[in-house]
Amino acid sequence: MTSRTRRKALHLAGACAAATFTLTACGSADSPGSAGKDGTAQLTSIAGQKITLPADGEPTAVFFFTSGCGECVGGTQSLGAAAAAAEKSGTRANFLAVDMDPGESKDTINAFMDYVHAEQVPTVIDTGATLTQRYHITALSTLIVIDADGKTTYRGTDPSAQTITAQLKKAGA
């Protein structure tokens, strides 16, 4: 194999790997949640708020994103809109945004959350991919709904505010 042929093969392999990652990272399919108990996680938001998953007696909508993901803008906006609607109506539900990039600064995340009008949603950085692994997240812009017992009752990507609200109601909100 000549050096030129080897370079072409490496470029092709790299392009295939990049395409696979890109297609996996920003999916758009919905699927039902798992019925298994996911366990309890003790978290601290970037603002210092203590958060427990699952929340005691209430379902939680958890959205996985990074500030550099274009598709994540819509889902994060939807999360913020659903949180605002729940607060206004008195719906008993929790909302959490999980930044999957441990390298993003709190300032960058706060600016993103302000930009998408979701600044009221508590946000955590998934250092060590703890939540990503616990909840089997394989794509950016994924929303899961966890009921009060810790069961994942919904999983989908790029959700609308109406979808989030409906799924929280199904989970007991």
N, C-alpha and C. Protein backbone atom coordinates (compact mmCIF):
# COMPACT_ATOMS: atom_id res chain seq x y z
N MET A 1 0.85 -1.17 0.00
CA MET A 1 0.00 0.00 0.00
C MET A 1 0.90 1.23 0.00
N THR A 2 0.66 2.13 -0.92
CA THR A 2 1.48 3.34 -0.99
C THR A 2 1.07 4.30 0.11
N SER A 3 1.93 5.26 0.36
CA SER A 3 1.64 6.25 1.38
C SER A 3 0.40 7.07 1.02
N ARG A 4 0.21 7.36 -0.25
CA ARG A 4 -0.96 8.13 -0.69
C ARG A 4 -2.25 7.32 -0.48
N THR A 5 -2.23 6.05 -0.81
CA THR A 5 -3.39 5.18 -0.62
C THR A 5 -3.70 5.04 0.87
N ARG A 6 -2.65 4.92 1.68
CA ARG A 6 -2.83 4.80 3.12
C ARG A 6 -3.48 6.07 3.68
N ARG A 7 -3.04 7.24 3.21
CA ARG A 7 -3.64 8.51 3.66
C ARG A 7 -5.11 8.58 3.29
N LYS A 8 -5.44 8.17 2.05
CA LYS A 8 -6.84 8.18 1.62
C LYS A 8 -7.68 7.27 2.51
N ALA A 9 -7.15 6.10 2.82
CA ALA A 9 -7.88 5.15 3.67
C ALA A 9 -8.09 5.72 5.06
N LEU A 10 -7.05 6.38 5.61
CA LEU A 10 -7.18 6.99 6.93
C LEU A 10 -8.18 8.14 6.92
N HIS A 11 -8.16 8.96 5.87
CA HIS A 11 -9.12 10.06 5.76
C HIS A 11 -10.54 9.53 5.67
N LEU A 12 -10.73 8.48 4.88
CA LEU A 12 -12.05 7.88 4.73
C LEU A 12 -12.53 7.30 6.06
N ALA A 13 -11.65 6.60 6.76
CA ALA A 13 -12.02 6.03 8.06
C ALA A 13 -12.36 7.13 9.06
N GLY A 14 -11.59 8.20 9.06
CA GLY A 14 -11.86 9.33 9.94
C GLY A 14 -13.19 9.99 9.62
N ALA A 15 -13.48 10.16 8.34
CA ALA A 15 -14.75 10.77 7.94
C ALA A 15 -15.93 9.90 8.35
N CYS A 16 -15.79 8.59 8.21
CA CYS A 16 -16.86 7.66 8.62
C CYS A 16 -17.08 7.74 10.13
N ALA A 17 -15.99 7.77 10.89
CA ALA A 17 -16.11 7.85 12.34
C ALA A 17 -16.76 9.16 12.76
N ALA A 18 -16.37 10.27 12.13
CA ALA A 18 -16.97 11.56 12.45
C ALA A 18 -18.45 11.58 12.10
N ALA A 19 -18.82 11.02 10.97
CA ALA A 19 -20.23 10.99 10.56
C ALA A 19 -21.04 10.14 11.53
N THR A 20 -20.49 9.03 11.97
CA THR A 20 -21.19 8.17 12.92
C THR A 20 -21.42 8.90 14.22
N PHE A 21 -20.39 9.59 14.75
CA PHE A 21 -20.53 10.34 15.98
C PHE A 21 -21.57 11.44 15.83
N THR A 22 -21.52 12.17 14.74
CA THR A 22 -22.45 13.27 14.51
C THR A 22 -23.88 12.76 14.46
N LEU A 23 -24.13 11.69 13.74
CA LEU A 23 -25.48 11.15 13.64
C LEU A 23 -25.96 10.60 14.97
N THR A 24 -25.06 10.04 15.77
CA THR A 24 -25.43 9.52 17.07
C THR A 24 -25.68 10.66 18.05
N ALA A 25 -24.91 11.73 17.97
CA ALA A 25 -25.00 12.80 18.94
C ALA A 25 -26.26 13.63 18.83
N CYS A 26 -26.83 13.75 17.68
CA CYS A 26 -28.03 14.58 17.51
C CYS A 26 -29.13 13.76 16.86
N GLY A 27 -29.69 12.83 17.60
CA GLY A 27 -30.76 11.99 17.06
C GLY A 27 -32.10 12.68 17.16
N SER A 28 -33.15 12.02 16.63
CA SER A 28 -34.47 12.62 16.71
C SER A 28 -35.58 11.61 16.93
N ALA A 29 -35.26 10.44 17.43
CA ALA A 29 -36.29 9.43 17.64
C ALA A 29 -36.75 9.42 19.08
N ASP A 30 -38.04 9.14 19.30
CA ASP A 30 -38.59 8.98 20.63
C ASP A 30 -38.69 7.50 20.93
N SER A 31 -38.62 7.15 22.20
CA SER A 31 -38.83 5.77 22.59
C SER A 31 -39.41 5.75 23.99
N PRO A 32 -40.15 4.71 24.34
CA PRO A 32 -40.69 4.64 25.69
C PRO A 32 -39.56 4.48 26.69
N GLY A 33 -39.81 4.94 27.92
CA GLY A 33 -38.79 4.85 28.96
C GLY A 33 -38.68 3.45 29.51
N SER A 34 -37.64 3.22 30.31
CA SER A 34 -37.45 1.91 30.91
C SER A 34 -38.21 1.86 32.23
N ALA A 35 -38.63 0.68 32.62
CA ALA A 35 -39.39 0.50 33.84
C ALA A 35 -38.48 0.21 35.03
N GLY A 36 -37.19 0.12 34.81
CA GLY A 36 -36.25 -0.21 35.87
C GLY A 36 -35.97 0.95 36.80
N LYS A 37 -35.66 0.66 38.07
CA LYS A 37 -35.32 1.71 39.02
C LYS A 37 -33.91 2.20 38.74
N ASP A 38 -33.75 3.52 38.61
CA ASP A 38 -32.47 4.10 38.23
C ASP A 38 -31.58 4.47 39.42
N GLY A 39 -32.08 4.45 40.65
CA GLY A 39 -31.29 4.82 41.81
C GLY A 39 -31.39 6.30 42.13
N THR A 40 -30.78 6.69 43.23
CA THR A 40 -30.82 8.08 43.68
C THR A 40 -29.48 8.75 43.44
N ALA A 41 -29.53 9.97 42.94
CA ALA A 41 -28.32 10.77 42.72
C ALA A 41 -28.45 12.07 43.50
N GLN A 42 -27.40 12.45 44.19
CA GLN A 42 -27.33 13.72 44.90
C GLN A 42 -26.48 14.66 44.07
N LEU A 43 -27.06 15.79 43.65
CA LEU A 43 -26.39 16.71 42.73
C LEU A 43 -26.34 18.11 43.32
N THR A 44 -25.43 18.91 42.80
CA THR A 44 -25.37 20.33 43.13
C THR A 44 -25.35 21.10 41.82
N SER A 45 -26.31 22.02 41.68
CA SER A 45 -26.38 22.81 40.44
C SER A 45 -25.22 23.79 40.37
N ILE A 46 -25.03 24.39 39.20
CA ILE A 46 -23.94 25.36 39.06
C ILE A 46 -24.20 26.61 39.89
N ALA A 47 -25.44 26.78 40.38
CA ALA A 47 -25.78 27.90 41.26
C ALA A 47 -25.70 27.50 42.74
N GLY A 48 -25.33 26.23 43.01
CA GLY A 48 -25.18 25.77 44.39
C GLY A 48 -26.42 25.10 44.97
N GLN A 49 -27.47 24.92 44.20
CA GLN A 49 -28.71 24.30 44.66
C GLN A 49 -28.54 22.79 44.78
N LYS A 50 -29.00 22.20 45.90
CA LYS A 50 -28.94 20.75 46.10
C LYS A 50 -30.14 20.12 45.40
N ILE A 51 -29.88 19.06 44.63
CA ILE A 51 -30.91 18.39 43.84
C ILE A 51 -30.79 16.89 44.06
N THR A 52 -31.93 16.23 44.22
CA THR A 52 -31.96 14.78 44.34
C THR A 52 -32.75 14.20 43.18
N LEU A 53 -32.18 13.18 42.54
CA LEU A 53 -32.88 12.44 41.49
C LEU A 53 -33.01 11.00 41.94
N PRO A 54 -34.20 10.42 41.97
CA PRO A 54 -35.47 11.06 41.67
C PRO A 54 -35.87 12.00 42.80
N ALA A 55 -36.67 13.00 42.46
CA ALA A 55 -37.17 13.95 43.44
C ALA A 55 -38.22 13.26 44.31
N ASP A 56 -38.28 13.64 45.56
CA ASP A 56 -39.21 13.02 46.50
C ASP A 56 -40.65 13.39 46.16
N GLY A 57 -41.40 12.42 45.67
CA GLY A 57 -42.83 12.61 45.43
C GLY A 57 -43.21 13.32 44.15
N GLU A 58 -42.25 13.70 43.33
CA GLU A 58 -42.56 14.45 42.10
C GLU A 58 -41.74 13.93 40.93
N PRO A 59 -42.32 13.96 39.73
CA PRO A 59 -41.54 13.59 38.55
C PRO A 59 -40.58 14.71 38.16
N THR A 60 -39.56 14.35 37.39
CA THR A 60 -38.56 15.32 36.95
C THR A 60 -38.30 15.15 35.46
N ALA A 61 -38.30 16.28 34.75
CA ALA A 61 -37.89 16.30 33.34
C ALA A 61 -36.41 16.66 33.32
N VAL A 62 -35.60 15.80 32.72
CA VAL A 62 -34.15 15.99 32.67
C VAL A 62 -33.72 16.08 31.21
N PHE A 63 -33.09 17.20 30.85
CA PHE A 63 -32.69 17.43 29.46
C PHE A 63 -31.17 17.47 29.38
N PHE A 64 -30.59 16.70 28.46
CA PHE A 64 -29.14 16.60 28.28
C PHE A 64 -28.73 17.42 27.06
N PHE A 65 -27.74 18.31 27.25
CA PHE A 65 -27.36 19.26 26.21
C PHE A 65 -25.89 19.65 26.34
N THR A 66 -25.41 20.42 25.37
CA THR A 66 -24.21 21.24 25.50
C THR A 66 -24.53 22.57 24.84
N SER A 67 -23.83 23.60 25.23
CA SER A 67 -24.14 24.92 24.66
C SER A 67 -23.73 25.00 23.20
N GLY A 68 -22.87 24.12 22.74
CA GLY A 68 -22.43 24.13 21.34
C GLY A 68 -23.29 23.30 20.41
N CYS A 69 -24.33 22.67 20.92
CA CYS A 69 -25.21 21.81 20.12
C CYS A 69 -26.37 22.64 19.59
N GLY A 70 -26.41 22.85 18.28
CA GLY A 70 -27.47 23.64 17.67
C GLY A 70 -28.85 23.07 17.91
N GLU A 71 -28.99 21.75 17.80
CA GLU A 71 -30.29 21.11 18.02
C GLU A 71 -30.76 21.26 19.46
N CYS A 72 -29.81 21.40 20.39
CA CYS A 72 -30.15 21.50 21.81
C CYS A 72 -30.83 22.82 22.16
N VAL A 73 -30.69 23.83 21.32
CA VAL A 73 -31.32 25.12 21.59
C VAL A 73 -32.83 24.96 21.73
N GLY A 74 -33.46 24.31 20.76
CA GLY A 74 -34.91 24.14 20.79
C GLY A 74 -35.38 23.34 21.98
N GLY A 75 -34.69 22.25 22.28
CA GLY A 75 -35.08 21.42 23.42
C GLY A 75 -34.91 22.13 24.75
N THR A 76 -33.85 22.93 24.87
CA THR A 76 -33.63 23.68 26.11
C THR A 76 -34.67 24.78 26.25
N GLN A 77 -35.02 25.43 25.13
CA GLN A 77 -36.11 26.42 25.17
C GLN A 77 -37.41 25.77 25.60
N SER A 78 -37.69 24.59 25.07
CA SER A 78 -38.91 23.86 25.44
C SER A 78 -38.91 23.51 26.93
N LEU A 79 -37.76 23.10 27.46
CA LEU A 79 -37.65 22.79 28.88
C LEU A 79 -37.96 24.03 29.71
N GLY A 80 -37.39 25.17 29.31
CA GLY A 80 -37.65 26.42 30.02
C GLY A 80 -39.12 26.82 29.96
N ALA A 81 -39.74 26.66 28.79
CA ALA A 81 -41.15 27.01 28.63
C ALA A 81 -42.03 26.08 29.47
N ALA A 82 -41.72 24.79 29.48
CA ALA A 82 -42.49 23.84 30.29
C ALA A 82 -42.33 24.14 31.78
N ALA A 83 -41.13 24.51 32.20
CA ALA A 83 -40.89 24.85 33.60
C ALA A 83 -41.67 26.09 33.99
N ALA A 84 -41.68 27.10 33.12
CA ALA A 84 -42.43 28.32 33.40
C ALA A 84 -43.93 28.04 33.47
N ALA A 85 -44.43 27.21 32.56
CA ALA A 85 -45.86 26.86 32.56
C ALA A 85 -46.23 26.08 33.81
N ALA A 86 -45.36 25.17 34.24
CA ALA A 86 -45.62 24.38 35.45
C ALA A 86 -45.65 25.27 36.68
N GLU A 87 -44.73 26.21 36.74
CA GLU A 87 -44.70 27.14 37.88
C GLU A 87 -45.97 27.99 37.90
N LYS A 88 -46.38 28.47 36.75
CA LYS A 88 -47.57 29.32 36.65
C LYS A 88 -48.84 28.56 37.03
N SER A 89 -48.93 27.29 36.63
CA SER A 89 -50.13 26.50 36.89
C SER A 89 -50.10 25.76 38.23
N GLY A 90 -48.96 25.78 38.90
CA GLY A 90 -48.84 25.08 40.17
C GLY A 90 -48.61 23.58 40.03
N THR A 91 -48.21 23.14 38.85
CA THR A 91 -47.93 21.72 38.61
C THR A 91 -46.73 21.29 39.44
N ARG A 92 -46.87 20.17 40.13
CA ARG A 92 -45.79 19.65 40.98
C ARG A 92 -44.86 18.78 40.14
N ALA A 93 -43.82 19.39 39.63
CA ALA A 93 -42.82 18.69 38.82
C ALA A 93 -41.50 19.43 38.94
N ASN A 94 -40.43 18.73 38.66
CA ASN A 94 -39.09 19.32 38.70
C ASN A 94 -38.49 19.30 37.31
N PHE A 95 -37.53 20.19 37.11
CA PHE A 95 -36.87 20.34 35.82
C PHE A 95 -35.37 20.44 36.07
N LEU A 96 -34.59 19.79 35.21
CA LEU A 96 -33.14 19.81 35.35
C LEU A 96 -32.50 19.79 33.98
N ALA A 97 -31.54 20.67 33.77
CA ALA A 97 -30.74 20.68 32.54
C ALA A 97 -29.37 20.12 32.89
N VAL A 98 -28.89 19.19 32.07
CA VAL A 98 -27.60 18.53 32.33
C VAL A 98 -26.66 18.83 31.17
N ASP A 99 -25.60 19.61 31.44
CA ASP A 99 -24.60 19.90 30.41
C ASP A 99 -23.64 18.72 30.34
N MET A 100 -23.57 18.10 29.18
CA MET A 100 -22.76 16.90 28.98
C MET A 100 -21.28 17.20 28.73
N ASP A 101 -20.90 18.48 28.61
CA ASP A 101 -19.52 18.85 28.34
C ASP A 101 -18.87 19.37 29.61
N PRO A 102 -18.05 18.55 30.29
CA PRO A 102 -17.44 18.99 31.53
C PRO A 102 -16.45 20.14 31.36
N GLY A 103 -16.09 20.45 30.12
CA GLY A 103 -15.16 21.55 29.86
C GLY A 103 -15.83 22.91 29.74
N GLU A 104 -17.16 22.94 29.71
CA GLU A 104 -17.84 24.23 29.58
C GLU A 104 -17.88 24.94 30.93
N SER A 105 -17.63 26.23 30.91
CA SER A 105 -17.61 27.01 32.15
C SER A 105 -19.03 27.34 32.60
N LYS A 106 -19.15 27.66 33.89
CA LYS A 106 -20.45 28.08 34.43
C LYS A 106 -20.95 29.33 33.71
N ASP A 107 -20.03 30.25 33.39
CA ASP A 107 -20.43 31.47 32.69
C ASP A 107 -21.00 31.16 31.31
N THR A 108 -20.36 30.24 30.59
CA THR A 108 -20.85 29.85 29.26
C THR A 108 -22.23 29.21 29.37
N ILE A 109 -22.39 28.33 30.34
CA ILE A 109 -23.67 27.65 30.53
C ILE A 109 -24.76 28.65 30.92
N ASN A 110 -24.45 29.54 31.85
CA ASN A 110 -25.43 30.55 32.27
C ASN A 110 -25.83 31.45 31.10
N ALA A 111 -24.86 31.83 30.27
CA ALA A 111 -25.16 32.66 29.10
C ALA A 111 -26.07 31.91 28.13
N PHE A 112 -25.80 30.62 27.93
CA PHE A 112 -26.65 29.80 27.05
C PHE A 112 -28.06 29.70 27.61
N MET A 113 -28.19 29.42 28.90
CA MET A 113 -29.51 29.28 29.52
C MET A 113 -30.28 30.60 29.45
N ASP A 114 -29.59 31.72 29.62
CA ASP A 114 -30.24 33.03 29.46
C ASP A 114 -30.69 33.23 28.02
N TYR A 115 -29.83 32.88 27.08
CA TYR A 115 -30.12 33.05 25.65
C TYR A 115 -31.38 32.30 25.23
N VAL A 116 -31.57 31.10 25.77
CA VAL A 116 -32.72 30.27 25.39
C VAL A 116 -33.90 30.46 26.34
N HIS A 117 -33.82 31.42 27.23
CA HIS A 117 -34.90 31.75 28.17
C HIS A 117 -35.25 30.58 29.08
N ALA A 118 -34.22 29.90 29.57
CA ALA A 118 -34.41 28.79 30.50
C ALA A 118 -33.58 29.00 31.76
N GLU A 119 -33.33 30.26 32.09
CA GLU A 119 -32.45 30.58 33.22
C GLU A 119 -33.01 30.10 34.56
N GLN A 120 -34.32 29.86 34.65
CA GLN A 120 -34.92 29.40 35.91
C GLN A 120 -34.72 27.90 36.14
N VAL A 121 -34.24 27.18 35.14
CA VAL A 121 -34.06 25.73 35.25
C VAL A 121 -32.70 25.43 35.89
N PRO A 122 -32.70 24.67 36.99
CA PRO A 122 -31.41 24.29 37.58
C PRO A 122 -30.57 23.51 36.56
N THR A 123 -29.26 23.78 36.59
CA THR A 123 -28.36 23.16 35.62
C THR A 123 -27.18 22.54 36.34
N VAL A 124 -26.82 21.33 35.93
CA VAL A 124 -25.64 20.67 36.47
C VAL A 124 -24.71 20.32 35.32
N ILE A 125 -23.42 20.19 35.64
CA ILE A 125 -22.43 19.74 34.67
C ILE A 125 -22.19 18.26 34.95
N ASP A 126 -22.30 17.44 33.93
CA ASP A 126 -22.16 15.99 34.09
C ASP A 126 -20.69 15.58 34.07
N THR A 127 -19.96 16.00 35.09
CA THR A 127 -18.55 15.66 35.22
C THR A 127 -18.42 14.15 35.37
N GLY A 128 -17.58 13.55 34.57
CA GLY A 128 -17.38 12.11 34.63
C GLY A 128 -18.50 11.31 33.98
N ALA A 129 -19.41 11.98 33.30
CA ALA A 129 -20.53 11.34 32.59
C ALA A 129 -21.37 10.46 33.52
N THR A 130 -21.46 10.83 34.78
CA THR A 130 -22.20 10.04 35.75
C THR A 130 -23.68 9.89 35.38
N LEU A 131 -24.35 11.00 35.09
CA LEU A 131 -25.77 10.94 34.74
C LEU A 131 -25.98 10.35 33.35
N THR A 132 -25.09 10.69 32.45
CA THR A 132 -25.18 10.16 31.09
C THR A 132 -25.15 8.63 31.11
N GLN A 133 -24.27 8.08 31.92
CA GLN A 133 -24.17 6.62 32.03
C GLN A 133 -25.33 6.04 32.82
N ARG A 134 -25.68 6.67 33.92
CA ARG A 134 -26.77 6.16 34.77
C ARG A 134 -28.07 6.03 33.99
N TYR A 135 -28.36 7.03 33.15
CA TYR A 135 -29.63 7.05 32.42
C TYR A 135 -29.47 6.63 30.96
N HIS A 136 -28.32 6.07 30.62
CA HIS A 136 -28.09 5.51 29.28
C HIS A 136 -28.38 6.51 28.17
N ILE A 137 -27.82 7.71 28.29
CA ILE A 137 -28.00 8.76 27.30
C ILE A 137 -26.97 8.56 26.19
N THR A 138 -27.44 8.47 24.95
CA THR A 138 -26.54 8.23 23.82
C THR A 138 -26.56 9.37 22.82
N ALA A 139 -27.39 10.39 23.05
CA ALA A 139 -27.48 11.49 22.09
C ALA A 139 -27.70 12.80 22.83
N LEU A 140 -27.10 13.85 22.31
CA LEU A 140 -27.40 15.19 22.79
C LEU A 140 -28.86 15.49 22.51
N SER A 141 -29.41 16.48 23.20
CA SER A 141 -30.79 16.93 23.01
C SER A 141 -31.80 15.85 23.42
N THR A 142 -31.40 15.01 24.38
CA THR A 142 -32.29 13.96 24.88
C THR A 142 -32.98 14.42 26.15
N LEU A 143 -34.28 14.18 26.21
CA LEU A 143 -35.08 14.44 27.40
C LEU A 143 -35.52 13.10 27.97
N ILE A 144 -35.39 12.96 29.29
CA ILE A 144 -36.01 11.83 29.97
C ILE A 144 -36.92 12.38 31.05
N VAL A 145 -37.97 11.65 31.35
CA VAL A 145 -38.83 11.97 32.48
C VAL A 145 -38.67 10.83 33.47
N ILE A 146 -38.38 11.19 34.71
CA ILE A 146 -38.19 10.22 35.78
C ILE A 146 -39.32 10.42 36.78
N ASP A 147 -40.05 9.36 37.09
CA ASP A 147 -41.14 9.50 38.06
C ASP A 147 -40.56 9.52 39.47
N ALA A 148 -41.43 9.70 40.47
CA ALA A 148 -40.98 9.83 41.86
C ALA A 148 -40.33 8.56 42.38
N ASP A 149 -40.60 7.42 41.74
CA ASP A 149 -39.99 6.16 42.15
C ASP A 149 -38.65 5.89 41.46
N GLY A 150 -38.24 6.78 40.58
CA GLY A 150 -36.96 6.62 39.90
C GLY A 150 -37.05 5.88 38.58
N LYS A 151 -38.25 5.62 38.11
CA LYS A 151 -38.42 4.93 36.83
C LYS A 151 -38.40 5.95 35.70
N THR A 152 -37.65 5.64 34.65
CA THR A 152 -37.63 6.49 33.47
C THR A 152 -38.89 6.14 32.67
N THR A 153 -39.82 7.10 32.61
CA THR A 153 -41.11 6.84 31.97
C THR A 153 -41.18 7.36 30.55
N TYR A 154 -40.21 8.20 30.16
CA TYR A 154 -40.20 8.74 28.80
C TYR A 154 -38.76 9.04 28.41
N ARG A 155 -38.48 8.87 27.13
CA ARG A 155 -37.18 9.21 26.55
C ARG A 155 -37.44 9.69 25.13
N GLY A 156 -36.93 10.87 24.77
CA GLY A 156 -37.09 11.40 23.42
C GLY A 156 -36.07 12.49 23.16
N THR A 157 -35.95 12.91 21.92
CA THR A 157 -35.01 13.97 21.58
C THR A 157 -35.74 15.19 21.06
N ASP A 158 -35.14 16.35 21.32
CA ASP A 158 -35.64 17.63 20.85
C ASP A 158 -37.14 17.79 21.14
N PRO A 159 -37.54 17.69 22.41
CA PRO A 159 -38.95 17.71 22.75
C PRO A 159 -39.56 19.11 22.67
N SER A 160 -40.87 19.16 22.46
CA SER A 160 -41.60 20.42 22.56
C SER A 160 -42.01 20.62 24.02
N ALA A 161 -42.39 21.84 24.38
CA ALA A 161 -42.86 22.11 25.74
C ALA A 161 -44.12 21.29 26.02
N GLN A 162 -44.98 21.12 25.02
CA GLN A 162 -46.21 20.35 25.18
C GLN A 162 -45.89 18.88 25.46
N THR A 163 -44.90 18.34 24.77
CA THR A 163 -44.50 16.95 25.01
C THR A 163 -43.97 16.79 26.43
N ILE A 164 -43.14 17.71 26.87
CA ILE A 164 -42.58 17.64 28.22
C ILE A 164 -43.71 17.67 29.25
N THR A 165 -44.63 18.61 29.09
CA THR A 165 -45.75 18.75 30.02
C THR A 165 -46.61 17.48 30.04
N ALA A 166 -46.93 16.96 28.87
CA ALA A 166 -47.76 15.75 28.77
C ALA A 166 -47.08 14.56 29.42
N GLN A 167 -45.77 14.42 29.20
CA GLN A 167 -45.05 13.28 29.76
C GLN A 167 -44.90 13.40 31.28
N LEU A 168 -44.76 14.62 31.79
CA LEU A 168 -44.72 14.81 33.24
C LEU A 168 -46.07 14.44 33.86
N LYS A 169 -47.16 14.78 33.20
CA LYS A 169 -48.50 14.41 33.70
C LYS A 169 -48.65 12.89 33.74
N LYS A 170 -48.18 12.22 32.68
CA LYS A 170 -48.25 10.75 32.65
C LYS A 170 -47.43 10.14 33.79
N ALA A 171 -46.36 10.85 34.20
CA ALA A 171 -45.48 10.36 35.26
C ALA A 171 -45.95 10.76 36.66
N GLY A 172 -47.10 11.44 36.73
CA GLY A 172 -47.66 11.74 38.04
C GLY A 172 -47.67 13.19 38.46
N ALA A 173 -47.36 14.11 37.57
CA ALA A 173 -47.37 15.54 37.93
C ALA A 173 -48.80 16.04 38.07
